[in-house]
Amino acid sequence: MENSVYKIIEVVGMSEKSWEDAAKTAITTVDNSVRDIRVAEVVKMDMRLEDNRIVAYRVKLKVSFKLEK
């Protein structure tokens, strides 16, 4: 087995629809600039409110990817 090193970044995705959509938005965006994503861990979920109405779902993710040699 080859030795490997992984980097972990935190990102926040936002959606007007759902937490799941917010997570998908974050991963899709990260995938455009990072290769070899391995794991995404949900760290926190919250909502933005206006006038006691949910206007956005937010998901904070820790995303790990393999560093290239």
Protein backbone atom coordinates (compact mmCIF):
# COMPACT_ATOMS: atom_id res chain seq x y z
CA MET A 1 0.00 0.00 0.00
CA GLU A 2 1.31 3.44 -0.95
CA ASN A 3 1.64 6.23 1.61
CA SER A 4 -0.81 9.07 1.04
CA VAL A 5 -1.54 12.52 2.43
CA TYR A 6 -4.98 14.11 2.48
CA LYS A 7 -5.99 17.72 2.93
CA ILE A 8 -9.21 18.77 4.66
CA ILE A 9 -11.03 22.00 3.84
CA GLU A 10 -14.26 23.44 5.19
CA VAL A 11 -16.93 24.75 2.86
CA VAL A 12 -20.48 26.01 3.30
CA GLY A 13 -23.20 25.24 0.77
CA MET A 14 -26.48 27.12 0.66
CA SER A 15 -29.83 26.34 -0.95
CA GLU A 16 -33.37 27.66 -0.86
CA LYS A 17 -34.70 24.06 -1.19
CA SER A 18 -33.11 21.76 1.41
CA TRP A 19 -30.02 20.78 3.39
CA GLU A 20 -29.39 17.97 0.92
CA ASP A 21 -29.40 20.43 -1.97
CA ALA A 22 -27.07 22.73 -0.02
CA ALA A 23 -24.60 19.85 0.45
CA LYS A 24 -24.82 18.92 -3.24
CA THR A 25 -24.18 22.55 -4.21
CA ALA A 26 -21.06 22.67 -2.03
CA ILE A 27 -19.64 19.40 -3.38
CA THR A 28 -20.37 20.32 -6.99
CA THR A 29 -18.58 23.64 -6.55
CA VAL A 30 -15.56 22.07 -4.81
CA ASP A 31 -15.38 19.39 -7.51
CA ASN A 32 -14.77 22.13 -10.09
CA SER A 33 -11.48 23.13 -8.44
CA VAL A 34 -10.27 20.07 -6.48
CA ARG A 35 -9.47 16.59 -7.75
CA ASP A 36 -9.79 13.26 -6.03
CA ILE A 37 -12.36 14.15 -3.36
CA ARG A 38 -12.60 11.22 -0.95
CA VAL A 39 -14.91 12.14 1.94
CA ALA A 40 -17.37 14.89 2.83
CA GLU A 41 -18.50 15.10 6.46
CA VAL A 42 -21.47 17.23 7.53
CA VAL A 43 -20.24 19.37 10.43
CA LYS A 44 -23.15 21.72 10.93
CA MET A 45 -26.58 22.43 9.50
CA ASP A 46 -28.46 25.67 10.00
CA MET A 47 -31.02 27.94 8.37
CA ARG A 48 -31.21 31.62 7.49
CA LEU A 49 -34.48 33.20 8.55
CA GLU A 50 -36.30 36.38 7.56
CA ASP A 51 -39.58 37.36 9.21
CA ASN A 52 -39.69 33.94 10.87
CA ARG A 53 -39.53 32.21 7.46
CA ILE A 54 -36.78 29.91 6.24
CA VAL A 55 -35.05 31.62 3.33
CA ALA A 56 -31.99 29.36 3.04
CA TYR A 57 -30.62 26.05 4.26
CA ARG A 58 -26.89 25.96 4.99
CA VAL A 59 -24.57 23.00 5.43
CA LYS A 60 -20.96 23.20 6.60
CA LEU A 61 -18.86 20.32 5.27
CA LYS A 62 -15.35 19.07 5.91
CA VAL A 63 -14.12 17.82 2.56
CA SER A 64 -10.99 15.70 2.22
CA PHE A 65 -9.01 15.05 -0.93
CA LYS A 66 -5.76 13.33 -1.76
CA LEU A 67 -2.78 15.58 -2.29
CA GLU A 68 -0.81 14.92 -5.44
CA LYS A 69 2.88 14.17 -5.21
